[in-house]
Protein backbone atom coordinates (compact mmCIF):
# COMPACT_ATOMS: atom_id res chain seq x y z
CA UNK A 1 -66.52 -25.92 83.94
CA UNK A 2 -64.29 -22.84 83.62
CA UNK A 3 -65.84 -20.00 85.46
CA UNK A 4 -66.37 -18.13 82.71
CA UNK A 5 -68.51 -20.91 81.15
CA UNK A 6 -70.52 -20.74 84.10
CA UNK A 7 -70.87 -16.73 84.60
CA UNK A 8 -71.70 -16.77 80.41
CA UNK A 9 -74.68 -19.61 80.98
CA UNK A 10 -76.28 -17.61 83.77
CA UNK A 11 -76.88 -15.11 81.95
CA UNK A 12 -78.65 -16.88 79.57
CA UNK A 13 -81.13 -18.17 82.27
CA UNK A 14 -81.69 -14.69 83.20
CA UNK A 15 -82.24 -13.63 79.57
CA UNK A 16 -85.12 -17.32 79.81
CA UNK A 17 -86.96 -15.57 83.31
CA UNK A 18 -87.03 -12.47 82.16
CA UNK A 19 -88.70 -13.71 78.78
CA UNK A 20 -91.07 -15.42 80.52
CA UNK A 21 -92.28 -13.59 83.09
CA UNK A 22 -92.53 -10.80 80.45
CA UNK A 23 -94.83 -12.94 78.33
CA UNK A 24 -97.41 -13.62 81.08
CA UNK A 25 -96.82 -9.10 81.97
CA UNK A 26 -97.32 -9.01 78.82
CA UNK A 27 -100.51 -11.27 77.79
CA UNK A 28 -102.31 -10.07 81.05
CA UNK A 29 -102.33 -6.63 79.86
CA UNK A 30 -103.57 -7.49 76.47
CA UNK A 31 -105.86 -9.77 77.90
CA UNK A 32 -107.61 -7.06 80.33
CA UNK A 33 -107.29 -4.27 77.05
CA UNK A 34 -107.97 -6.07 74.12
CA UNK A 35 -105.18 -3.96 72.37
CA UNK A 36 -103.73 -5.23 69.91
CA UNK A 37 -100.68 -3.72 70.14
CA UNK A 38 -100.10 -4.91 73.61
CA UNK A 39 -100.38 -8.51 71.54
CA UNK A 40 -98.03 -7.31 69.03
CA UNK A 41 -95.87 -6.79 73.01
CA UNK A 42 -96.14 -9.59 73.94
CA UNK A 43 -95.50 -11.63 70.65
CA UNK A 44 -92.61 -10.71 70.39
CA UNK A 45 -92.38 -11.65 74.36
CA UNK A 46 -92.61 -14.97 73.06
CA UNK A 47 -89.51 -14.64 70.48
CA UNK A 48 -87.57 -13.51 73.35
CA UNK A 49 -87.94 -16.36 74.71
CA UNK A 50 -87.16 -18.69 71.99
CA UNK A 51 -84.13 -16.68 71.23
CA UNK A 52 -83.31 -16.89 75.24
CA UNK A 53 -82.93 -21.19 74.74
CA UNK A 54 -81.08 -20.75 71.50
CA UNK A 55 -79.06 -18.54 73.35
CA UNK A 56 -78.47 -21.20 75.88
CA UNK A 57 -77.83 -23.84 73.96
CA UNK A 58 -74.73 -21.03 71.58
CA UNK A 59 -73.45 -20.55 75.34
CA UNK A 60 -72.95 -24.63 75.99
CA UNK A 61 -71.46 -25.23 72.47
CA UNK A 62 -69.41 -22.54 72.18
CA UNK A 63 -67.84 -23.11 75.39
CA UNK A 64 -66.78 -26.95 74.37
CA UNK A 65 -63.21 -27.65 74.41
CA UNK A 66 -61.67 -27.95 70.98
CA UNK A 67 -61.08 -31.81 69.99
CA UNK A 68 -60.02 -33.86 66.52
CA UNK A 69 -62.47 -32.44 64.81
CA UNK A 70 -62.43 -28.86 65.81
CA UNK A 71 -59.41 -27.38 66.19
CA UNK A 72 -60.14 -24.18 66.57
CA UNK A 73 -62.78 -24.30 69.15
CA UNK A 74 -66.63 -24.05 68.78
CA UNK A 75 -66.53 -20.99 69.02
CA UNK A 76 -68.44 -19.57 66.09
CA UNK A 77 -71.67 -21.35 67.60
CA UNK A 78 -72.54 -18.21 68.95
CA UNK A 79 -73.45 -16.90 65.34
CA UNK A 80 -75.44 -19.46 64.58
CA UNK A 81 -77.45 -17.81 67.29
CA UNK A 82 -77.76 -14.38 66.47
CA UNK A 83 -78.50 -15.56 63.33
CA UNK A 84 -81.44 -17.66 64.30
CA UNK A 85 -82.87 -14.85 66.48
CA UNK A 86 -82.43 -12.45 63.78
CA UNK A 87 -84.53 -14.70 62.22
CA UNK A 88 -87.58 -15.14 64.59
CA UNK A 89 -87.54 -11.60 65.05
CA UNK A 90 -88.49 -11.70 61.03
CA UNK A 91 -91.62 -14.34 61.60
CA UNK A 92 -92.74 -12.67 65.07
CA UNK A 93 -93.30 -9.01 62.89
CA UNK A 94 -95.01 -10.80 60.26
CA UNK A 95 -97.52 -12.37 62.74
CA UNK A 96 -97.19 -8.55 64.85
CA UNK A 97 -98.44 -7.26 60.67
CA UNK A 98 -100.69 -9.02 60.30
CA UNK A 99 -102.54 -8.68 62.76
CA UNK A 100 -102.09 -5.10 63.13
CA UNK A 101 -103.60 -4.80 59.81
CA UNK A 102 -106.16 -6.99 60.36
CA UNK A 103 -107.37 -5.04 63.63
CA UNK A 104 -107.01 -1.49 61.61
CA UNK A 105 -109.56 -2.89 58.91
CA UNK A 106 -111.99 -4.27 61.88
CA UNK A 107 -111.36 -1.47 64.95
CA UNK A 108 -112.46 -2.95 68.32
CA UNK A 109 -112.77 -0.61 71.81
CA UNK A 110 -109.90 -0.53 74.42
CA UNK A 111 -110.31 -2.02 78.00
CA UNK A 112 -109.44 -0.92 81.48
CA UNK A 113 -106.28 1.10 80.14
CA UNK A 114 -105.07 2.03 83.59
CA UNK A 115 -104.71 -1.67 84.94
CA UNK A 116 -103.19 -2.78 82.17
CA UNK A 117 -100.64 -0.60 80.79
CA UNK A 118 -99.57 -0.63 84.04
CA UNK A 119 -99.09 -4.05 83.90
CA UNK A 120 -96.81 -3.37 80.74
CA UNK A 121 -94.48 -1.09 81.93
CA UNK A 122 -93.91 -3.58 85.38
CA UNK A 123 -93.17 -6.03 81.94
CA UNK A 124 -90.33 -3.30 80.50
CA UNK A 125 -88.76 -2.68 83.39
CA UNK A 126 -88.00 -6.13 84.26
CA UNK A 127 -87.30 -6.26 80.67
CA UNK A 128 -84.87 -3.65 80.90
CA UNK A 129 -82.70 -4.74 84.02
CA UNK A 130 -82.42 -7.76 81.89
CA UNK A 131 -81.23 -5.16 79.01
CA UNK A 132 -78.16 -3.76 80.20
CA UNK A 133 -77.07 -6.86 82.42
CA UNK A 134 -76.82 -9.27 78.97
CA UNK A 135 -75.38 -6.00 77.37
CA UNK A 136 -72.79 -5.55 79.73
CA UNK A 137 -71.87 -8.93 80.10
CA UNK A 138 -71.18 -9.09 76.58
CA UNK A 139 -69.08 -6.09 76.56
CA UNK A 140 -67.07 -7.02 79.16
CA UNK A 141 -66.84 -11.34 77.14
CA UNK A 142 -67.02 -10.25 73.80
CA UNK A 143 -69.46 -12.15 73.63
CA UNK A 144 -71.78 -11.70 71.06
CA UNK A 145 -74.66 -13.98 71.81
CA UNK A 146 -75.44 -12.11 74.84
CA UNK A 147 -74.60 -8.56 73.72
CA UNK A 148 -76.92 -9.44 70.39
CA UNK A 149 -79.61 -10.43 73.05
CA UNK A 150 -79.46 -8.20 75.09
CA UNK A 151 -79.89 -5.41 72.11
CA UNK A 152 -83.03 -7.33 71.26
CA UNK A 153 -84.49 -6.43 75.03
CA UNK A 154 -83.96 -3.39 75.00
CA UNK A 155 -85.81 -2.84 71.37
CA UNK A 156 -88.22 -4.22 72.70
CA UNK A 157 -88.26 -1.50 75.60
CA UNK A 158 -88.50 1.06 73.37
CA UNK A 159 -91.42 -1.53 71.71
CA UNK A 160 -93.46 -1.71 74.79
CA UNK A 161 -92.66 2.12 75.95
CA UNK A 162 -94.48 2.68 71.50
CA UNK A 163 -96.92 1.05 72.18
CA UNK A 164 -98.09 2.52 75.86
CA UNK A 165 -97.44 5.50 74.29
CA UNK A 166 -100.18 4.27 71.46
CA UNK A 167 -102.39 2.94 74.29
CA UNK A 168 -102.59 6.14 76.08
CA UNK A 169 -103.46 8.44 72.08
CA UNK A 170 -106.41 6.21 71.87
CA UNK A 171 -107.41 6.06 74.91
CA UNK A 172 -107.60 9.57 75.63
CA UNK A 173 -108.24 10.78 71.73
CA UNK A 174 -110.92 7.66 71.33
CA UNK A 175 -109.84 7.33 67.40
CA UNK A 176 -109.58 3.54 67.50
CA UNK A 177 -107.71 2.75 64.26
CA UNK A 178 -104.08 4.37 66.01
CA UNK A 179 -103.19 1.46 68.02
CA UNK A 180 -103.77 -0.84 65.03
CA UNK A 181 -101.20 1.97 63.13
CA UNK A 182 -98.68 1.74 66.18
CA UNK A 183 -98.18 -2.02 65.95
CA UNK A 184 -97.81 -2.27 62.78
CA UNK A 185 -94.65 0.69 63.40
CA UNK A 186 -93.10 -1.84 66.40
CA UNK A 187 -93.96 -4.82 63.45
CA UNK A 188 -91.34 -2.20 61.22
CA UNK A 189 -88.98 -1.53 64.28
CA UNK A 190 -88.62 -5.47 65.37
CA UNK A 191 -87.78 -5.44 61.59
CA UNK A 192 -84.52 -3.46 61.25
CA UNK A 193 -83.53 -5.52 64.61
CA UNK A 194 -83.75 -8.46 63.12
CA UNK A 195 -82.11 -7.14 59.93
CA UNK A 196 -79.51 -6.37 62.10
CA UNK A 197 -78.41 -9.04 64.42
CA UNK A 198 -78.56 -11.41 61.16
CA UNK A 199 -76.00 -8.64 59.37
CA UNK A 200 -73.94 -9.14 62.95
CA UNK A 201 -73.66 -13.06 62.40
CA UNK A 202 -72.87 -12.56 58.98
CA UNK A 203 -69.73 -11.10 59.39
CA UNK A 204 -68.83 -13.36 61.66
CA UNK A 205 -69.34 -16.00 60.13
CA UNK A 206 -67.04 -14.35 57.65
CA UNK A 207 -64.10 -13.82 59.66
CA UNK A 208 -64.36 -10.28 60.73
CA UNK A 209 -61.65 -8.57 61.21
CA UNK A 210 -60.41 -6.83 65.10
CA UNK A 211 -61.63 -3.86 65.32
CA UNK A 212 -59.30 -1.01 64.28
CA UNK A 213 -58.70 0.38 67.33
CA UNK A 214 -57.50 -2.94 68.24
CA UNK A 215 -55.10 -3.96 65.33
CA UNK A 216 -53.54 0.02 65.74
CA UNK A 217 -52.63 -1.66 69.30
CA UNK A 218 -51.18 -4.72 67.88
CA UNK A 219 -49.07 -2.97 64.68
CA UNK A 220 -47.33 -0.44 67.97
CA UNK A 221 -46.93 -2.79 69.69
CA UNK A 222 -45.06 -4.98 66.42
CA UNK A 223 -43.37 -1.59 65.40
CA UNK A 224 -42.06 -1.86 69.41
CA UNK A 225 -39.11 -4.22 67.64
CA UNK A 226 -38.81 -3.02 64.45
CA UNK A 227 -34.95 -2.03 63.97
CA UNK A 228 -32.75 -2.12 60.27
CA UNK A 229 -32.74 -5.77 60.91
CA UNK A 230 -36.63 -6.62 62.56
CA UNK A 231 -39.29 -5.74 60.19
CA UNK A 232 -43.45 -7.41 59.98
CA UNK A 233 -45.64 -7.54 58.10
CA UNK A 234 -49.00 -9.78 56.78
CA UNK A 235 -50.73 -8.84 60.40
CA UNK A 236 -53.68 -10.19 59.98
CA UNK A 237 -56.74 -10.66 62.14
CA UNK A 238 -60.05 -11.94 63.08
CA UNK A 239 -62.78 -12.94 65.34
CA UNK A 240 -64.32 -15.75 66.54
CA UNK A 241 -67.15 -16.02 69.10
CA UNK A 242 -65.36 -14.85 71.74
CA UNK A 243 -61.76 -15.67 71.38
CA UNK A 244 -59.59 -13.24 68.92
CA UNK A 245 -56.89 -14.73 66.43
CA UNK A 246 -54.07 -12.97 65.40
CA UNK A 247 -51.22 -13.90 62.93
CA UNK A 248 -47.61 -11.82 61.67
CA UNK A 249 -44.82 -12.40 59.68
CA UNK A 250 -41.74 -11.60 61.71
CA UNK A 251 -38.99 -10.63 58.80
CA UNK A 252 -35.18 -10.96 60.42
CA UNK A 253 -31.70 -11.40 58.66
CA UNK A 254 -30.93 -15.05 56.89
CA UNK A 255 -28.50 -15.62 59.43
CA UNK A 256 -29.44 -15.74 62.81
CA UNK A 257 -29.52 -18.42 64.85
CA UNK A 258 -33.04 -20.34 64.76
CA UNK A 259 -32.61 -19.59 68.78
CA UNK A 260 -32.09 -16.24 68.19
CA UNK A 261 -35.32 -16.06 65.61
CA UNK A 262 -36.83 -18.52 68.01
CA UNK A 263 -36.33 -15.30 70.93
CA UNK A 264 -37.45 -12.42 69.44
CA UNK A 265 -40.97 -15.06 68.54
CA UNK A 266 -41.30 -15.31 72.42
CA UNK A 267 -40.76 -11.76 73.76
CA UNK A 268 -43.34 -10.26 70.54
CA UNK A 269 -45.62 -13.22 72.21
CA UNK A 270 -45.37 -11.80 75.52
CA UNK A 271 -45.53 -7.84 75.12
CA UNK A 272 -48.94 -9.11 73.20
CA UNK A 273 -50.21 -11.11 75.33
CA UNK A 274 -49.65 -8.28 78.27
CA UNK A 275 -52.36 -6.33 76.11
CA UNK A 276 -53.87 -8.72 74.78
CA UNK A 277 -54.14 -11.79 77.22
CA UNK A 278 -56.37 -14.13 75.19
CA UNK A 279 -55.35 -13.43 71.45
CA UNK A 280 -53.48 -16.71 69.98
CA UNK A 281 -50.77 -15.22 68.24
CA UNK A 282 -49.48 -16.91 65.59
CA UNK A 283 -45.83 -15.82 64.15
CA UNK A 284 -43.68 -17.18 61.30
CA UNK A 285 -40.22 -16.41 61.28
CA UNK A 286 -38.67 -15.48 57.75
CA UNK A 287 -35.22 -13.94 56.47
CA UNK A 288 -35.42 -10.35 54.78
CA UNK A 289 -33.59 -11.28 51.94
CA UNK A 290 -35.24 -14.30 50.35
CA UNK A 291 -38.14 -12.21 47.79
CA UNK A 292 -40.75 -15.44 48.05
CA UNK A 293 -40.73 -13.29 52.18
CA UNK A 294 -42.75 -10.39 50.66
CA UNK A 295 -46.22 -10.07 49.01
CA UNK A 296 -48.13 -13.47 50.72
CA UNK A 297 -51.24 -11.84 51.48
CA UNK A 298 -52.91 -8.88 49.12
CA UNK A 299 -54.82 -7.89 52.21
CA UNK A 300 -53.22 -6.75 55.38
CA UNK A 301 -52.97 -4.32 58.74
CA UNK A 302 -49.73 -2.38 57.94
CA UNK A 303 -46.77 -2.60 60.55
CA UNK A 304 -44.60 0.44 60.77
CA UNK A 305 -40.97 0.58 59.27
CA UNK A 306 -37.43 1.56 60.54
CA UNK A 307 -37.82 3.91 58.20
CA UNK A 308 -41.56 4.88 58.70
CA UNK A 309 -40.46 5.25 62.58
CA UNK A 310 -37.59 7.43 61.56
CA UNK A 311 -40.01 9.75 59.66
CA UNK A 312 -42.35 10.27 62.74
CA UNK A 313 -39.55 10.87 65.11
CA UNK A 314 -39.66 7.47 67.30
CA UNK A 315 -36.62 5.70 68.39
CA UNK A 316 -35.54 2.84 66.81
CA UNK A 317 -36.19 -0.08 68.20
CA UNK A 318 -34.58 -2.66 69.94
CA UNK A 319 -31.46 -4.31 68.44
CA UNK A 320 -32.02 -7.81 67.42
CA UNK A 321 -30.98 -10.95 69.91
């Protein structure tokens, strides 16, 4: 198994362990205090566990190599995991909202506040540390699954903080209905988190383009090869899990030999890989004199032409092979 795959699986197991620990601690805190706010917090941790298991499965599927039925690999499995996590968050939120309404109509006193909140605070620290690790790993490996799981845990930390504040206010004021009000607000916040995860996973399944910054960097690299004879168009990019893809049409004089065109494409791909080591780049060679070489796509990221570079005061690119 590749090193990167082992590392990602390790993060998923870390998330599972953290979820089990926090479920235990928050359930104890709820049992001690009887707070519906703490109950809602514990319910969200159950969702965290389900999500963590989904993360582990998704990362293992995404790491599977390409096969005869999946020529581009299985990396989009990560988006299904993020979508499942979003749906599970919605389910947890509905349970929390229903419980908070029932407790608002039938308020009950909170007991042993100090011990219960101390236990809940320990669980929040665990979540906070694991969330930091997951988000950092998600950015490093460009894994939407780990990033989503980490952001979810961060939301859990803020949720717990809100619940703790609410319970403290109830303890000092004696207004028991504040506890379910806090739980209801927690439920609304969880719904917002689920919506964001669903939106991000949907964008990934729809082949969202690389960021504007990455597209600009790619276009700038290509511009370094632009001359009076060589130019580029139809630059399109997409993200699939932690893999990145790009394709571009390379226009050269029709009189060039196949070897000349091939040498140029090799240089272009080498320059792109120097900055984007994992970028899967496809270059399509076309004769610049042929009208059929133009107007391929209605949407593309523009690459500066020779005239554009001259207007900007840039020096001319390298001469052709």
